[in-house]
Amino acid sequence: MKTSLKRSNEPVFWLLFGAGGMLSALIGAVLVFITSFAAPLGLLPAELFSYANMQGFAQHIVGKALILAIIALFMWHAVHRIFHSLHDVGIHAGPVARLLCYGIAFVGSVVTLWGVLVIGF
């Protein structure tokens, strides 16, 4: 008896989840430390976070890519974790929950892409 494997788009979501998890593990804590403690307490120079420097960073192509990667991948990681946690709280995730969760991440990624492009070069 020959069984055929059903095609699935699940590996794409696991890839985005894994990339977001790795990124959040590697730099998430550093970003929280810098923005919550180091900059407000004066451990880093104030001019480093001036509007002109932040705008310059956001207008550079590498800065745009980093901003997009951080926001979008963190978002995909979060919604994938939420989607698979629905079962733990007694909600059996079906196609509607899948569309809602991943749709939010997709829309958020598109809005982030639009935002970094609007900043200009």
Protein backbone atom coordinates (compact mmCIF):
# COMPACT_ATOMS: atom_id res chain seq x y z
CA MET A 1 0.00 0.00 0.00
CA LYS A 2 1.45 3.32 -1.05
CA THR A 3 0.87 6.37 1.12
CA SER A 4 1.46 9.84 -0.16
CA LEU A 5 2.62 12.69 2.00
CA LYS A 6 0.34 15.69 2.28
CA ARG A 7 1.95 19.01 1.33
CA SER A 8 2.04 21.55 4.11
CA ASN A 9 3.03 25.18 4.50
CA GLU A 10 3.90 24.57 8.16
CA PRO A 11 7.70 24.54 7.57
CA VAL A 12 7.54 28.18 6.43
CA PHE A 13 5.94 29.20 9.71
CA TRP A 14 8.39 27.11 11.72
CA LEU A 15 11.25 28.80 9.84
CA LEU A 16 9.94 32.26 10.72
CA PHE A 17 9.31 31.12 14.30
CA GLY A 18 12.83 29.73 14.62
CA ALA A 19 14.45 32.81 13.08
CA GLY A 20 12.48 35.11 15.38
CA GLY A 21 13.33 32.97 18.40
CA MET A 22 17.02 32.95 17.58
CA LEU A 23 17.04 36.70 16.96
CA SER A 24 15.17 37.43 20.17
CA ALA A 25 17.50 35.17 22.15
CA LEU A 26 20.62 36.75 20.70
CA ILE A 27 19.75 40.44 20.70
CA GLY A 28 16.40 40.84 22.43
CA ALA A 29 17.87 41.11 25.91
CA VAL A 30 20.53 43.54 24.69
CA LEU A 31 17.87 45.78 23.11
CA VAL A 32 15.87 45.78 26.33
CA PHE A 33 18.96 46.60 28.36
CA ILE A 34 20.01 49.45 26.06
CA THR A 35 16.58 51.07 25.72
CA SER A 36 15.38 50.48 29.28
CA PHE A 37 18.48 50.91 31.40
CA ALA A 38 21.69 51.96 29.65
CA ALA A 39 20.37 54.96 27.72
CA PRO A 40 18.03 56.41 30.41
CA LEU A 41 20.59 55.98 33.20
CA GLY A 42 23.33 57.66 31.16
CA LEU A 43 25.52 54.57 30.81
CA LEU A 44 25.74 55.36 27.09
CA PRO A 45 26.34 58.82 25.59
CA ALA A 46 23.10 60.74 25.02
CA GLU A 47 24.17 61.91 21.57
CA LEU A 48 24.34 58.28 20.48
CA PHE A 49 20.53 58.16 20.64
CA SER A 50 19.86 61.62 19.24
CA TYR A 51 17.11 62.08 16.69
CA ALA A 52 19.63 62.76 13.91
CA ASN A 53 21.57 59.56 14.63
CA MET A 54 18.44 57.43 14.87
CA GLN A 55 17.07 58.94 11.66
CA GLY A 56 20.38 58.30 9.92
CA PHE A 57 20.31 54.69 11.10
CA ALA A 58 16.73 54.22 9.92
CA GLN A 59 17.48 55.78 6.53
CA HIS A 60 20.46 53.52 5.81
CA ILE A 61 19.68 50.30 3.95
CA VAL A 62 21.31 48.14 6.63
CA GLY A 63 19.37 49.97 9.34
CA LYS A 64 16.13 49.42 7.43
CA ALA A 65 16.91 45.71 7.07
CA LEU A 66 17.70 45.37 10.80
CA ILE A 67 14.55 47.23 11.86
CA LEU A 68 12.40 45.13 9.54
CA ALA A 69 14.04 41.87 10.62
CA ILE A 70 13.73 42.60 14.32
CA ILE A 71 10.11 43.73 14.27
CA ALA A 72 8.81 41.21 11.72
CA LEU A 73 10.64 38.16 13.04
CA PHE A 74 9.78 38.94 16.66
CA MET A 75 6.15 39.24 15.55
CA TRP A 76 6.18 35.94 13.62
CA HIS A 77 7.80 34.22 16.59
CA ALA A 78 5.17 35.58 18.97
CA VAL A 79 2.12 34.67 16.88
CA HIS A 80 3.41 31.18 16.17
CA ARG A 81 3.92 30.63 19.88
CA ILE A 82 0.44 32.03 20.60
CA PHE A 83 -1.12 29.83 17.91
CA HIS A 84 0.39 26.66 19.32
CA SER A 85 -0.40 27.75 22.89
CA LEU A 86 -4.11 28.02 22.15
CA HIS A 87 -4.42 24.27 22.61
CA ASP A 88 -2.94 24.57 26.10
CA VAL A 89 -5.71 26.95 27.17
CA GLY A 90 -8.47 24.78 25.73
CA ILE A 91 -8.98 26.46 22.37
CA HIS A 92 -8.57 24.02 19.52
CA ALA A 93 -6.95 26.10 16.84
CA GLY A 94 -8.57 25.65 13.48
CA PRO A 95 -8.29 27.49 10.20
CA VAL A 96 -9.84 30.67 11.61
CA ALA A 97 -7.32 30.89 14.44
CA ARG A 98 -4.50 30.10 12.01
CA LEU A 99 -5.65 32.83 9.62
CA LEU A 100 -6.09 35.32 12.47
CA CYS A 101 -2.70 34.63 14.07
CA TYR A 102 -0.62 34.48 10.93
CA GLY A 103 -2.66 37.23 9.30
CA ILE A 104 -1.74 39.58 12.13
CA ALA A 105 1.94 38.79 11.67
CA PHE A 106 1.69 39.24 7.90
CA VAL A 107 -0.10 42.59 8.19
CA GLY A 108 2.36 43.71 10.86
CA SER A 109 5.29 42.78 8.62
CA VAL A 110 3.80 44.66 5.67
CA VAL A 111 3.11 47.73 7.84
CA THR A 112 6.69 47.59 9.15
CA LEU A 113 8.04 47.33 5.60
CA TRP A 114 5.90 50.30 4.59
CA GLY A 115 7.11 52.22 7.64
CA VAL A 116 10.80 51.73 6.95
CA LEU A 117 10.32 52.63 3.29
CA VAL A 118 8.42 55.83 4.15
CA ILE A 119 11.33 57.05 6.26
CA GLY A 120 13.28 57.51 3.04
CA PHE A 121 16.88 56.92 2.07
